Amino acid sequence: MGAVTTSLDEEARTIFRDLGYEVTTENDELRAERKWRTVHVTTADPEEANTYGRLRCFVADADRAGEVRDRLLGLEPDYDWAVMSVEDGDYQVLHPSADVLPAP
């Protein structure tokens, strides 16, 4: 039997649900909601991702996550963002430094 792979979307959905978020599909991305917070979760490249919403999470395979973070740093989007690096069901969150985030 071959290895079972899970799509990044499904891994992100599971991770956010495990963190206590209610997760729904919205167009081509996920919407994770908990208390007052709504996070727009996407696997799209930063240049192609939607720009609405104040909080965005970019999900990428571990071998691409650093590149995605660097691209976001170069783009300087006007929303708060993080990159979720996913590998074998485990994840790590890559944040920009505090001086990179836009003022509210």
N, C-alpha and C. Protein backbone atom coordinates (compact mmCIF):
# COMPACT_ATOMS: atom_id res chain seq x y z
N MET A 1 0.85 -1.17 0.00
CA MET A 1 0.00 0.00 0.00
C MET A 1 0.90 1.23 0.00
N GLY A 2 0.54 2.25 -0.79
CA GLY A 2 1.31 3.49 -0.89
C GLY A 2 1.05 4.40 0.28
N ALA A 3 1.90 5.39 0.40
CA ALA A 3 1.75 6.38 1.46
C ALA A 3 0.52 7.24 1.19
N VAL A 4 -0.15 7.62 2.24
CA VAL A 4 -1.31 8.49 2.12
C VAL A 4 -0.85 9.92 2.32
N THR A 5 -1.19 10.79 1.39
CA THR A 5 -0.83 12.19 1.53
C THR A 5 -2.10 13.01 1.77
N THR A 6 -1.95 14.02 2.54
CA THR A 6 -3.06 14.92 2.85
C THR A 6 -2.75 16.26 2.23
N SER A 7 -3.74 16.87 1.58
CA SER A 7 -3.53 18.16 0.96
C SER A 7 -3.24 19.22 2.03
N LEU A 8 -2.54 20.27 1.61
CA LEU A 8 -2.25 21.37 2.54
C LEU A 8 -3.54 21.97 3.10
N ASP A 9 -4.57 22.08 2.25
CA ASP A 9 -5.85 22.62 2.72
C ASP A 9 -6.41 21.78 3.86
N GLU A 10 -6.38 20.48 3.70
CA GLU A 10 -6.92 19.60 4.73
C GLU A 10 -6.07 19.63 6.00
N GLU A 11 -4.75 19.69 5.83
CA GLU A 11 -3.88 19.79 7.00
C GLU A 11 -4.15 21.09 7.75
N ALA A 12 -4.29 22.20 7.01
CA ALA A 12 -4.58 23.49 7.64
C ALA A 12 -5.93 23.44 8.36
N ARG A 13 -6.93 22.86 7.71
CA ARG A 13 -8.26 22.74 8.32
C ARG A 13 -8.16 21.98 9.66
N THR A 14 -7.44 20.87 9.66
CA THR A 14 -7.29 20.07 10.87
C THR A 14 -6.54 20.84 11.95
N ILE A 15 -5.46 21.50 11.60
CA ILE A 15 -4.67 22.26 12.58
C ILE A 15 -5.51 23.35 13.22
N PHE A 16 -6.22 24.14 12.40
CA PHE A 16 -7.03 25.23 12.96
C PHE A 16 -8.18 24.69 13.80
N ARG A 17 -8.81 23.59 13.38
CA ARG A 17 -9.86 22.99 14.21
C ARG A 17 -9.31 22.53 15.54
N ASP A 18 -8.12 21.91 15.52
CA ASP A 18 -7.49 21.45 16.76
C ASP A 18 -7.16 22.62 17.69
N LEU A 19 -6.95 23.81 17.12
CA LEU A 19 -6.68 25.01 17.91
C LEU A 19 -7.96 25.69 18.40
N GLY A 20 -9.11 25.12 18.07
CA GLY A 20 -10.38 25.64 18.56
C GLY A 20 -11.10 26.59 17.63
N TYR A 21 -10.66 26.68 16.39
CA TYR A 21 -11.30 27.55 15.41
C TYR A 21 -12.44 26.81 14.71
N GLU A 22 -13.47 27.55 14.34
CA GLU A 22 -14.51 27.03 13.46
C GLU A 22 -14.04 27.33 12.04
N VAL A 23 -13.92 26.29 11.22
CA VAL A 23 -13.33 26.45 9.90
C VAL A 23 -14.37 26.19 8.82
N THR A 24 -14.47 27.15 7.89
CA THR A 24 -15.37 27.00 6.75
C THR A 24 -14.59 27.31 5.47
N THR A 25 -15.14 26.84 4.37
CA THR A 25 -14.53 27.13 3.07
C THR A 25 -15.17 28.40 2.53
N GLU A 26 -14.34 29.32 2.08
CA GLU A 26 -14.81 30.58 1.52
C GLU A 26 -14.07 30.83 0.21
N ASN A 27 -14.79 30.68 -0.89
CA ASN A 27 -14.18 30.81 -2.23
C ASN A 27 -13.03 29.82 -2.36
N ASP A 28 -11.82 30.30 -2.58
CA ASP A 28 -10.68 29.40 -2.78
C ASP A 28 -9.75 29.33 -1.57
N GLU A 29 -10.27 29.66 -0.39
CA GLU A 29 -9.46 29.60 0.82
C GLU A 29 -10.33 29.18 2.00
N LEU A 30 -9.71 29.07 3.16
CA LEU A 30 -10.43 28.72 4.39
C LEU A 30 -10.62 29.96 5.24
N ARG A 31 -11.69 29.96 6.00
CA ARG A 31 -11.97 31.05 6.94
C ARG A 31 -12.01 30.39 8.32
N ALA A 32 -11.08 30.76 9.19
CA ALA A 32 -11.00 30.20 10.53
C ALA A 32 -11.44 31.27 11.53
N GLU A 33 -12.47 30.97 12.33
CA GLU A 33 -13.02 31.96 13.27
C GLU A 33 -12.99 31.41 14.69
N ARG A 34 -12.59 32.30 15.60
CA ARG A 34 -12.58 31.96 17.02
C ARG A 34 -12.71 33.26 17.81
N LYS A 35 -13.72 33.33 18.65
CA LYS A 35 -14.01 34.54 19.41
C LYS A 35 -14.10 35.73 18.46
N TRP A 36 -13.28 36.72 18.61
CA TRP A 36 -13.33 37.95 17.79
C TRP A 36 -12.44 37.85 16.57
N ARG A 37 -11.68 36.77 16.45
CA ARG A 37 -10.63 36.68 15.43
C ARG A 37 -11.09 35.88 14.21
N THR A 38 -10.84 36.43 13.03
CA THR A 38 -11.06 35.73 11.78
C THR A 38 -9.75 35.70 11.01
N VAL A 39 -9.29 34.50 10.68
CA VAL A 39 -8.05 34.32 9.94
C VAL A 39 -8.40 33.75 8.57
N HIS A 40 -7.93 34.39 7.52
CA HIS A 40 -8.11 33.89 6.16
C HIS A 40 -6.90 33.02 5.85
N VAL A 41 -7.15 31.75 5.56
CA VAL A 41 -6.08 30.75 5.41
C VAL A 41 -6.01 30.36 3.94
N THR A 42 -4.79 30.42 3.37
CA THR A 42 -4.64 30.15 1.95
C THR A 42 -3.37 29.36 1.67
N THR A 43 -3.39 28.62 0.58
CA THR A 43 -2.19 27.95 0.08
C THR A 43 -1.69 28.65 -1.18
N ALA A 44 -2.30 29.77 -1.53
CA ALA A 44 -1.90 30.52 -2.73
C ALA A 44 -0.55 31.19 -2.51
N ASP A 45 0.13 31.47 -3.60
CA ASP A 45 1.36 32.25 -3.53
C ASP A 45 1.00 33.66 -3.07
N PRO A 46 1.89 34.30 -2.33
CA PRO A 46 1.57 35.65 -1.80
C PRO A 46 1.13 36.64 -2.86
N GLU A 47 1.74 36.60 -4.03
CA GLU A 47 1.40 37.55 -5.09
C GLU A 47 0.01 37.29 -5.68
N GLU A 48 -0.51 36.08 -5.51
CA GLU A 48 -1.80 35.70 -6.09
C GLU A 48 -2.92 35.61 -5.06
N ALA A 49 -2.59 35.77 -3.80
CA ALA A 49 -3.57 35.61 -2.73
C ALA A 49 -4.51 36.81 -2.65
N ASN A 50 -5.70 36.56 -2.13
CA ASN A 50 -6.63 37.65 -1.86
C ASN A 50 -6.01 38.59 -0.84
N THR A 51 -6.45 39.83 -0.82
CA THR A 51 -5.87 40.81 0.09
C THR A 51 -6.86 41.33 1.12
N TYR A 52 -8.10 40.86 1.12
CA TYR A 52 -9.06 41.32 2.11
C TYR A 52 -8.80 40.63 3.45
N GLY A 53 -9.32 41.21 4.48
CA GLY A 53 -9.15 40.68 5.83
C GLY A 53 -7.92 41.26 6.50
N ARG A 54 -7.96 41.29 7.80
CA ARG A 54 -6.84 41.85 8.57
C ARG A 54 -5.81 40.81 8.94
N LEU A 55 -6.22 39.54 9.09
CA LEU A 55 -5.32 38.45 9.47
C LEU A 55 -5.29 37.39 8.38
N ARG A 56 -4.07 37.04 7.90
CA ARG A 56 -3.93 36.04 6.85
C ARG A 56 -2.87 35.03 7.25
N CYS A 57 -3.12 33.77 6.94
CA CYS A 57 -2.16 32.71 7.19
C CYS A 57 -1.90 31.99 5.87
N PHE A 58 -0.64 31.94 5.49
CA PHE A 58 -0.21 31.26 4.27
C PHE A 58 0.33 29.89 4.67
N VAL A 59 -0.23 28.84 4.09
CA VAL A 59 0.17 27.47 4.43
C VAL A 59 1.05 26.94 3.30
N ALA A 60 2.22 26.40 3.68
CA ALA A 60 3.16 25.90 2.69
C ALA A 60 3.87 24.67 3.22
N ASP A 61 4.31 23.81 2.31
CA ASP A 61 5.17 22.69 2.69
C ASP A 61 6.42 23.25 3.35
N ALA A 62 7.00 22.49 4.25
CA ALA A 62 8.17 22.94 5.01
C ALA A 62 9.31 23.40 4.09
N ASP A 63 9.48 22.77 2.95
CA ASP A 63 10.58 23.15 2.07
C ASP A 63 10.33 24.47 1.33
N ARG A 64 9.11 24.99 1.34
CA ARG A 64 8.77 26.26 0.68
C ARG A 64 8.45 27.37 1.65
N ALA A 65 8.22 27.06 2.91
CA ALA A 65 7.72 28.05 3.87
C ALA A 65 8.65 29.25 4.03
N GLY A 66 9.93 29.03 4.11
CA GLY A 66 10.87 30.13 4.25
C GLY A 66 10.82 31.07 3.06
N GLU A 67 10.70 30.50 1.87
CA GLU A 67 10.59 31.30 0.64
C GLU A 67 9.32 32.14 0.65
N VAL A 68 8.20 31.55 1.08
CA VAL A 68 6.93 32.27 1.15
C VAL A 68 7.06 33.43 2.13
N ARG A 69 7.69 33.18 3.29
CA ARG A 69 7.89 34.25 4.28
C ARG A 69 8.74 35.37 3.68
N ASP A 70 9.82 35.03 3.00
CA ASP A 70 10.68 36.05 2.40
C ASP A 70 9.93 36.87 1.34
N ARG A 71 9.08 36.21 0.56
CA ARG A 71 8.30 36.93 -0.45
C ARG A 71 7.32 37.90 0.19
N LEU A 72 6.69 37.48 1.28
CA LEU A 72 5.78 38.37 2.00
C LEU A 72 6.52 39.56 2.59
N LEU A 73 7.70 39.32 3.12
CA LEU A 73 8.51 40.43 3.65
C LEU A 73 8.82 41.44 2.56
N GLY A 74 9.08 40.94 1.35
CA GLY A 74 9.37 41.83 0.22
C GLY A 74 8.14 42.58 -0.27
N LEU A 75 6.98 41.94 -0.18
CA LEU A 75 5.73 42.57 -0.65
C LEU A 75 5.21 43.62 0.33
N GLU A 76 5.51 43.47 1.59
CA GLU A 76 5.02 44.37 2.63
C GLU A 76 3.51 44.61 2.57
N PRO A 77 2.71 43.52 2.63
CA PRO A 77 1.26 43.70 2.56
C PRO A 77 0.74 44.49 3.76
N ASP A 78 -0.44 45.10 3.60
CA ASP A 78 -0.99 45.93 4.67
C ASP A 78 -1.96 45.16 5.57
N TYR A 79 -1.71 43.88 5.77
CA TYR A 79 -2.46 43.06 6.70
C TYR A 79 -1.45 42.26 7.53
N ASP A 80 -1.88 41.79 8.70
CA ASP A 80 -1.04 40.94 9.54
C ASP A 80 -1.01 39.55 8.93
N TRP A 81 0.14 38.92 8.93
CA TRP A 81 0.27 37.61 8.30
C TRP A 81 1.24 36.72 9.06
N ALA A 82 1.11 35.44 8.79
CA ALA A 82 2.05 34.43 9.28
C ALA A 82 2.09 33.34 8.22
N VAL A 83 3.14 32.55 8.25
CA VAL A 83 3.28 31.41 7.35
C VAL A 83 3.28 30.16 8.21
N MET A 84 2.45 29.19 7.84
CA MET A 84 2.41 27.91 8.55
C MET A 84 3.20 26.91 7.71
N SER A 85 4.30 26.44 8.26
CA SER A 85 5.15 25.44 7.62
C SER A 85 4.66 24.06 8.05
N VAL A 86 4.25 23.22 7.08
CA VAL A 86 3.65 21.93 7.40
C VAL A 86 4.52 20.80 6.85
N GLU A 87 4.74 19.80 7.72
CA GLU A 87 5.51 18.62 7.29
C GLU A 87 5.06 17.42 8.11
N ASP A 88 4.58 16.40 7.44
CA ASP A 88 4.20 15.13 8.08
C ASP A 88 3.23 15.33 9.24
N GLY A 89 2.25 16.21 9.08
CA GLY A 89 1.25 16.43 10.11
C GLY A 89 1.68 17.39 11.21
N ASP A 90 2.95 17.76 11.24
CA ASP A 90 3.44 18.74 12.21
C ASP A 90 3.50 20.10 11.55
N TYR A 91 3.48 21.14 12.37
CA TYR A 91 3.55 22.48 11.79
C TYR A 91 4.38 23.40 12.67
N GLN A 92 4.85 24.45 12.03
CA GLN A 92 5.59 25.51 12.70
C GLN A 92 5.09 26.81 12.11
N VAL A 93 4.94 27.84 12.93
CA VAL A 93 4.46 29.13 12.45
C VAL A 93 5.63 30.10 12.33
N LEU A 94 5.77 30.67 11.13
CA LEU A 94 6.82 31.65 10.87
C LEU A 94 6.16 33.02 10.84
N HIS A 95 6.52 33.86 11.79
CA HIS A 95 5.96 35.21 11.89
C HIS A 95 6.95 36.22 11.33
N PRO A 96 6.46 37.35 10.85
CA PRO A 96 7.39 38.44 10.52
C PRO A 96 7.84 39.06 11.84
N SER A 97 8.90 39.81 11.83
CA SER A 97 9.30 40.50 13.06
C SER A 97 8.28 41.59 13.34
N ALA A 98 8.20 42.03 14.58
CA ALA A 98 7.18 43.01 14.99
C ALA A 98 7.29 44.32 14.23
N ASP A 99 8.48 44.72 13.81
CA ASP A 99 8.62 45.98 13.11
C ASP A 99 8.15 45.92 11.65
N VAL A 100 7.82 44.72 11.17
CA VAL A 100 7.35 44.56 9.80
C VAL A 100 5.84 44.71 9.70
N LEU A 101 5.12 44.38 10.78
CA LEU A 101 3.67 44.41 10.74
C LEU A 101 3.15 45.84 10.67
N PRO A 102 2.04 46.03 9.93
CA PRO A 102 1.49 47.38 9.82
C PRO A 102 0.85 47.83 11.14
N ALA A 103 0.84 49.12 11.35
CA ALA A 103 0.19 49.68 12.54
C ALA A 103 -1.32 49.59 12.37
N PRO A 104 -2.07 49.30 13.43
CA PRO A 104 -3.53 49.18 13.31
C PRO A 104 -4.21 50.50 13.04
